[in-house]
PDB file of N, CA and C in Angstrom:
ATOM      1  N   MET A   1      49.770-104.983  42.319  1.00  0.00           N
ATOM      2  CA  MET A   1      51.055-104.325  42.300  1.00  0.00           C
ATOM      3  C   MET A   1      51.867-104.643  43.564  1.00  0.00           C
ATOM      4  N   THR A   2      51.174-104.770  44.682  1.00  0.00           N
ATOM      5  CA  THR A   2      51.871-105.052  45.938  1.00  0.00           C
ATOM      6  C   THR A   2      52.598-106.383  45.866  1.00  0.00           C
ATOM      7  N   PHE A   3      51.961-107.387  45.298  1.00  0.00           N
ATOM      8  CA  PHE A   3      52.588-108.700  45.174  1.00  0.00           C
ATOM      9  C   PHE A   3      53.896-108.601  44.398  1.00  0.00           C
ATOM     10  N   VAL A   4      53.890-107.888  43.291  1.00  0.00           N
ATOM     11  CA  VAL A   4      55.087-107.752  42.450  1.00  0.00           C
ATOM     12  C   VAL A   4      56.178-107.006  43.199  1.00  0.00           C
ATOM     13  N   ARG A   5      55.833-105.923  43.866  1.00  0.00           N
ATOM     14  CA  ARG A   5      56.838-105.145  44.601  1.00  0.00           C
ATOM     15  C   ARG A   5      57.472-105.970  45.714  1.00  0.00           C
ATOM     16  N   ILE A   6      56.663-106.719  46.444  1.00  0.00           N
ATOM     17  CA  ILE A   6      57.196-107.556  47.525  1.00  0.00           C
ATOM     18  C   ILE A   6      58.092-108.650  46.946  1.00  0.00           C
ATOM     19  N   ALA A   7      57.640-109.277  45.865  1.00  0.00           N
ATOM     20  CA  ALA A   7      58.441-110.334  45.241  1.00  0.00           C
ATOM     21  C   ALA A   7      59.805-109.800  44.820  1.00  0.00           C
ATOM     22  N   LEU A   8      59.830-108.639  44.200  1.00  0.00           N
ATOM     23  CA  LEU A   8      61.116-108.068  43.772  1.00  0.00           C
ATOM     24  C   LEU A   8      61.970-107.651  44.962  1.00  0.00           C
ATOM     25  N   HIS A   9      61.337-107.172  46.020  1.00  0.00           N
ATOM     26  CA  HIS A   9      62.089-106.800  47.223  1.00  0.00           C
ATOM     27  C   HIS A   9      62.737-108.033  47.855  1.00  0.00           C
ATOM     28  N   ILE A  10      62.032-109.140  47.840  1.00  0.00           N
ATOM     29  CA  ILE A  10      62.588-110.382  48.387  1.00  0.00           C
ATOM     30  C   ILE A  10      63.875-110.759  47.664  1.00  0.00           C
ATOM     31  N   THR A  11      63.925-110.555  46.350  1.00  0.00           N
ATOM     32  CA  THR A  11      65.136-110.919  45.601  1.00  0.00           C
ATOM     33  C   THR A  11      66.340-110.075  46.014  1.00  0.00           C
ATOM     34  N   GLU A  12      66.094-108.871  46.524  1.00  0.00           N
ATOM     35  CA  GLU A  12      67.193-107.985  46.919  1.00  0.00           C
ATOM     36  C   GLU A  12      67.975-108.530  48.110  1.00  0.00           C
ATOM     37  N   PHE A  13      67.297-109.176  49.049  1.00  0.00           N
ATOM     38  CA  PHE A  13      68.021-109.661  50.230  1.00  0.00           C
ATOM     39  C   PHE A  13      68.193-111.177  50.262  1.00  0.00           C
ATOM     40  N   THR A  14      67.831-111.855  49.191  1.00  0.00           N
ATOM     41  CA  THR A  14      68.063-113.296  49.104  1.00  0.00           C
ATOM     42  C   THR A  14      69.468-113.525  48.547  1.00  0.00           C
ATOM     43  N   PRO A  15      70.326-114.216  49.284  1.00  0.00           N
ATOM     44  CA  PRO A  15      71.698-114.447  48.810  1.00  0.00           C
ATOM     45  C   PRO A  15      71.732-115.258  47.515  1.00  0.00           C
ATOM     46  N   GLU A  16      72.737-114.996  46.702  1.00  0.00           N
ATOM     47  CA  GLU A  16      72.931-115.778  45.476  1.00  0.00           C
ATOM     48  C   GLU A  16      73.075-117.249  45.850  1.00  0.00           C
ATOM     49  N   GLY A  17      72.481-118.102  45.063  1.00  0.00           N
ATOM     50  CA  GLY A  17      72.537-119.531  45.315  1.00  0.00           C
ATOM     51  C   GLY A  17      71.422-120.044  46.212  1.00  0.00           C
ATOM     52  N   SER A  18      70.682-119.121  46.845  1.00  0.00           N
ATOM     53  CA  SER A  18      69.563-119.512  47.700  1.00  0.00           C
ATOM     54  C   SER A  18      68.272-119.495  46.903  1.00  0.00           C
ATOM     55  N   LYS A  19      67.300-120.258  47.364  1.00  0.00           N
ATOM     56  CA  LYS A  19      65.991-120.320  46.723  1.00  0.00           C
ATOM     57  C   LYS A  19      64.899-119.937  47.715  1.00  0.00           C
ATOM     58  N   VAL A  20      63.891-119.250  47.229  1.00  0.00           N
ATOM     59  CA  VAL A  20      62.746-118.849  48.035  1.00  0.00           C
ATOM     60  C   VAL A  20      61.506-119.519  47.468  1.00  0.00           C
ATOM     61  N   THR A  21      60.676-120.066  48.352  1.00  0.00           N
ATOM     62  CA  THR A  21      59.384-120.588  47.953  1.00  0.00           C
ATOM     63  C   THR A  21      58.317-119.728  48.608  1.00  0.00           C
ATOM     64  N   MET A  22      57.432-119.187  47.808  1.00  0.00           N
ATOM     65  CA  MET A  22      56.350-118.352  48.325  1.00  0.00           C
ATOM     66  C   MET A  22      55.173-119.243  48.709  1.00  0.00           C
ATOM     67  N   ILE A  23      54.562-118.936  49.855  1.00  0.00           N
ATOM     68  CA  ILE A  23      53.371-119.648  50.290  1.00  0.00           C
ATOM     69  C   ILE A  23      52.267-118.613  50.446  1.00  0.00           C
ATOM     70  N   CYS A  24      51.196-118.782  49.686  1.00  0.00           N
ATOM     71  CA  CYS A  24      50.086-117.833  49.671  1.00  0.00           C
ATOM     72  C   CYS A  24      48.801-118.508  50.124  1.00  0.00           C
ATOM     73  N   ASP A  25      47.862-117.690  50.571  1.00  0.00           N
ATOM     74  CA  ASP A  25      46.549-118.186  50.963  1.00  0.00           C
ATOM     75  C   ASP A  25      45.829-118.741  49.734  1.00  0.00           C
ATOM     76  N   ASP A  26      45.228-119.890  49.891  1.00  0.00           N
ATOM     77  CA  ASP A  26      44.501-120.522  48.793  1.00  0.00           C
ATOM     78  C   ASP A  26      43.089-119.938  48.732  1.00  0.00           C
ATOM     79  N   ASP A  27      43.025-118.723  48.255  1.00  0.00           N
ATOM     80  CA  ASP A  27      41.758-118.015  48.120  1.00  0.00           C
ATOM     81  C   ASP A  27      41.299-118.115  46.678  1.00  0.00           C
ATOM     82  N   GLU A  28      40.028-118.445  46.480  1.00  0.00           N
ATOM     83  CA  GLU A  28      39.502-118.666  45.133  1.00  0.00           C
ATOM     84  C   GLU A  28      39.694-117.466  44.207  1.00  0.00           C
ATOM     85  N   GLU A  29      39.558-116.265  44.749  1.00  0.00           N
ATOM     86  CA  GLU A  29      39.636-115.066  43.922  1.00  0.00           C
ATOM     87  C   GLU A  29      41.058-114.618  43.634  1.00  0.00           C
ATOM     88  N   THR A  30      42.009-114.943  44.488  1.00  0.00           N
ATOM     89  CA  THR A  30      43.362-114.394  44.319  1.00  0.00           C
ATOM     90  C   THR A  30      44.417-115.407  43.903  1.00  0.00           C
ATOM     91  N   ALA A  31      44.202-116.681  44.117  1.00  0.00           N
ATOM     92  CA  ALA A  31      45.245-117.678  43.854  1.00  0.00           C
ATOM     93  C   ALA A  31      45.714-117.658  42.398  1.00  0.00           C
ATOM     94  N   LEU A  32      44.809-117.726  41.460  1.00  0.00           N
ATOM     95  CA  LEU A  32      45.214-117.733  40.046  1.00  0.00           C
ATOM     96  C   LEU A  32      45.853-116.424  39.605  1.00  0.00           C
ATOM     97  N   PRO A  33      45.317-115.254  39.991  1.00  0.00           N
ATOM     98  CA  PRO A  33      46.011-114.011  39.637  1.00  0.00           C
ATOM     99  C   PRO A  33      47.415-113.926  40.237  1.00  0.00           C
ATOM    100  N   PHE A  34      47.600-114.402  41.475  1.00  0.00           N
ATOM    101  CA  PHE A  34      48.932-114.382  42.079  1.00  0.00           C
ATOM    102  C   PHE A  34      49.876-115.333  41.334  1.00  0.00           C
ATOM    103  N   PHE A  35      49.373-116.491  40.959  1.00  0.00           N
ATOM    104  CA  PHE A  35      50.204-117.421  40.200  1.00  0.00           C
ATOM    105  C   PHE A  35      50.634-116.784  38.883  1.00  0.00           C
ATOM    106  N   ASP A  36      49.712-116.119  38.211  1.00  0.00           N
ATOM    107  CA  ASP A  36      50.030-115.438  36.957  1.00  0.00           C
ATOM    108  C   ASP A  36      51.094-114.362  37.174  1.00  0.00           C
ATOM    109  N   LEU A  37      50.957-113.573  38.235  1.00  0.00           N
ATOM    110  CA  LEU A  37      51.961-112.547  38.531  1.00  0.00           C
ATOM    111  C   LEU A  37      53.320-113.175  38.838  1.00  0.00           C
ATOM    112  N   TYR A  38      53.314-114.252  39.592  1.00  0.00           N
ATOM    113  CA  TYR A  38      54.556-114.967  39.907  1.00  0.00           C
ATOM    114  C   TYR A  38      55.271-115.396  38.624  1.00  0.00           C
ATOM    115  N   ARG A  39      54.525-115.974  37.683  1.00  0.00           N
ATOM    116  CA  ARG A  39      55.119-116.406  36.406  1.00  0.00           C
ATOM    117  C   ARG A  39      55.662-115.219  35.621  1.00  0.00           C
ATOM    118  N   ARG A  40      54.943-114.094  35.642  1.00  0.00           N
ATOM    119  CA  ARG A  40      55.406-112.896  34.926  1.00  0.00           C
ATOM    120  C   ARG A  40      56.691-112.349  35.532  1.00  0.00           C
ATOM    121  N   VAL A  41      56.728-112.293  36.874  1.00  0.00           N
ATOM    122  CA  VAL A  41      57.930-111.794  37.553  1.00  0.00           C
ATOM    123  C   VAL A  41      59.120-112.681  37.210  1.00  0.00           C
ATOM    124  N   LYS A  42      58.938-113.998  37.296  1.00  0.00           N
ATOM    125  CA  LYS A  42      60.040-114.910  36.963  1.00  0.00           C
ATOM    126  C   LYS A  42      60.460-114.789  35.495  1.00  0.00           C
ATOM    127  N   GLY A  43      59.505-114.496  34.631  1.00  0.00           N
ATOM    128  CA  GLY A  43      59.806-114.386  33.215  1.00  0.00           C
ATOM    129  C   GLY A  43      60.538-113.111  32.833  1.00  0.00           C
ATOM    130  N   ARG A  44      60.391-112.064  33.633  1.00  0.00           N
ATOM    131  CA  ARG A  44      60.943-110.757  33.256  1.00  0.00           C
ATOM    132  C   ARG A  44      62.163-110.318  34.043  1.00  0.00           C
ATOM    133  N   TRP A  45      62.363-110.844  35.252  1.00  0.00           N
ATOM    134  CA  TRP A  45      63.475-110.402  36.082  1.00  0.00           C
ATOM    135  C   TRP A  45      64.425-111.566  36.343  1.00  0.00           C
ATOM    136  N   PRO A  46      65.666-111.447  35.871  1.00  0.00           N
ATOM    137  CA  PRO A  46      66.643-112.534  36.047  1.00  0.00           C
ATOM    138  C   PRO A  46      66.870-112.922  37.512  1.00  0.00           C
ATOM    139  N   ASP A  47      66.898-111.942  38.430  1.00  0.00           N
ATOM    140  CA  ASP A  47      67.073-112.272  39.849  1.00  0.00           C
ATOM    141  C   ASP A  47      65.952-113.184  40.338  1.00  0.00           C
ATOM    142  N   ALA A  48      64.742-112.894  39.921  1.00  0.00           N
ATOM    143  CA  ALA A  48      63.603-113.730  40.326  1.00  0.00           C
ATOM    144  C   ALA A  48      63.732-115.123  39.736  1.00  0.00           C
ATOM    145  N   ARG A  49      64.169-115.212  38.503  1.00  0.00           N
ATOM    146  CA  ARG A  49      64.352-116.528  37.863  1.00  0.00           C
ATOM    147  C   ARG A  49      65.348-117.373  38.640  1.00  0.00           C
ATOM    148  N   ARG A  50      66.428-116.743  39.102  1.00  0.00           N
ATOM    149  CA  ARG A  50      67.474-117.484  39.818  1.00  0.00           C
ATOM    150  C   ARG A  50      67.078-117.819  41.253  1.00  0.00           C
ATOM    151  N   LYS A  51      66.311-116.956  41.884  1.00  0.00           N
ATOM    152  CA  LYS A  51      66.103-117.073  43.329  1.00  0.00           C
ATOM    153  C   LYS A  51      64.765-117.674  43.752  1.00  0.00           C
ATOM    154  N   PHE A  52      63.749-117.646  42.898  1.00  0.00           N
ATOM    155  CA  PHE A  52      62.461-118.214  43.276  1.00  0.00           C
ATOM    156  C   PHE A  52      62.415-119.685  42.904  1.00  0.00           C
ATOM    157  N   GLY A  53      62.159-120.513  43.912  1.00  0.00           N
ATOM    158  CA  GLY A  53      62.093-121.950  43.679  1.00  0.00           C
ATOM    159  C   GLY A  53      60.687-122.448  43.397  1.00  0.00           C
ATOM    160  N   GLY A  54      59.676-121.700  43.860  1.00  0.00           N
ATOM    161  CA  GLY A  54      58.315-122.138  43.616  1.00  0.00           C
ATOM    162  C   GLY A  54      57.308-121.303  44.374  1.00  0.00           C
ATOM    163  N   ILE A  55      56.064-121.614  44.116  1.00  0.00           N
ATOM    164  CA  ILE A  55      54.954-120.955  44.810  1.00  0.00           C
ATOM    165  C   ILE A  55      53.954-122.049  45.203  1.00  0.00           C
ATOM    166  N   ALA A  56      53.377-121.897  46.382  1.00  0.00           N
ATOM    167  CA  ALA A  56      52.392-122.871  46.863  1.00  0.00           C
ATOM    168  C   ALA A  56      51.202-122.113  47.432  1.00  0.00           C
ATOM    169  N   PHE A  57      50.064-122.764  47.411  1.00  0.00           N
ATOM    170  CA  PHE A  57      48.845-122.188  47.956  1.00  0.00           C
ATOM    171  C   PHE A  57      48.308-123.140  49.007  1.00  0.00           C
ATOM    172  N   VAL A  58      48.028-122.605  50.194  1.00  0.00           N
ATOM    173  CA  VAL A  58      47.545-123.444  51.295  1.00  0.00           C
ATOM    174  C   VAL A  58      46.292-122.823  51.912  1.00  0.00           C
ATOM    175  N   ASP A  59      45.473-123.668  52.471  1.00  0.00           N
ATOM    176  CA  ASP A  59      44.269-123.234  53.161  1.00  0.00           C
ATOM    177  C   ASP A  59      44.679-122.687  54.524  1.00  0.00           C
ATOM    178  N   ASP A  60      44.292-121.454  54.827  1.00  0.00           N
ATOM    179  CA  ASP A  60      44.704-120.837  56.080  1.00  0.00           C
ATOM    180  C   ASP A  60      44.074-121.498  57.306  1.00  0.00           C
ATOM    181  N   ARG A  61      43.135-122.394  57.110  1.00  0.00           N
ATOM    182  CA  ARG A  61      42.608-123.166  58.252  1.00  0.00           C
ATOM    183  C   ARG A  61      43.645-124.130  58.792  1.00  0.00           C
ATOM    184  N   TYR A  62      44.603-124.506  57.969  1.00  0.00           N
ATOM    185  CA  TYR A  62      45.615-125.486  58.367  1.00  0.00           C
ATOM    186  C   TYR A  62      46.990-124.878  58.591  1.00  0.00           C
ATOM    187  N   LEU A  63      47.223-123.734  58.009  1.00  0.00           N
ATOM    188  CA  LEU A  63      48.495-123.039  58.199  1.00  0.00           C
ATOM    189  C   LEU A  63      48.182-121.610  58.601  1.00  0.00           C
ATOM    190  N   PHE A  64      48.027-121.397  59.903  1.00  0.00           N
ATOM    191  CA  PHE A  64      47.506-120.148  60.433  1.00  0.00           C
ATOM    192  C   PHE A  64      48.347-118.921  60.081  1.00  0.00           C
ATOM    193  N   GLY A  65      49.656-119.075  59.971  1.00  0.00           N
ATOM    194  CA  GLY A  65      50.536-117.943  59.694  1.00  0.00           C
ATOM    195  C   GLY A  65      50.298-117.300  58.342  1.00  0.00           C
ATOM    196  N   VAL A  66      49.660-117.986  57.421  1.00  0.00           N
ATOM    197  CA  VAL A  66      49.407-117.428  56.096  1.00  0.00           C
ATOM    198  C   VAL A  66      48.472-116.227  56.205  1.00  0.00           C
ATOM    199  N   GLN A  67      47.549-116.276  57.120  1.00  0.00           N
ATOM    200  CA  GLN A  67      46.588-115.182  57.265  1.00  0.00           C
ATOM    201  C   GLN A  67      47.237-113.942  57.841  1.00  0.00           C
ATOM    202  N   ALA A  68      48.299-114.102  58.598  1.00  0.00           N
ATOM    203  CA  ALA A  68      48.996-112.947  59.181  1.00  0.00           C
ATOM    204  C   ALA A  68      49.658-112.178  58.094  1.00  0.00           C
TER     205      ALA A  68
END
């Protein structure tokens, strides 16, 4: 639920015409569920469809800020 709430909150302060790309930790247990939630959010909320450009998963060993 937290992922969905944060995603929708991001759309509130993203200006029209701008795109957001989400970067998530590439964790075996959470990556696929987060991807599924991302697709559901984009499918159900027009603001998310317009403003989300993509989602990526990275290993936090190489991109330290993801763990924060």
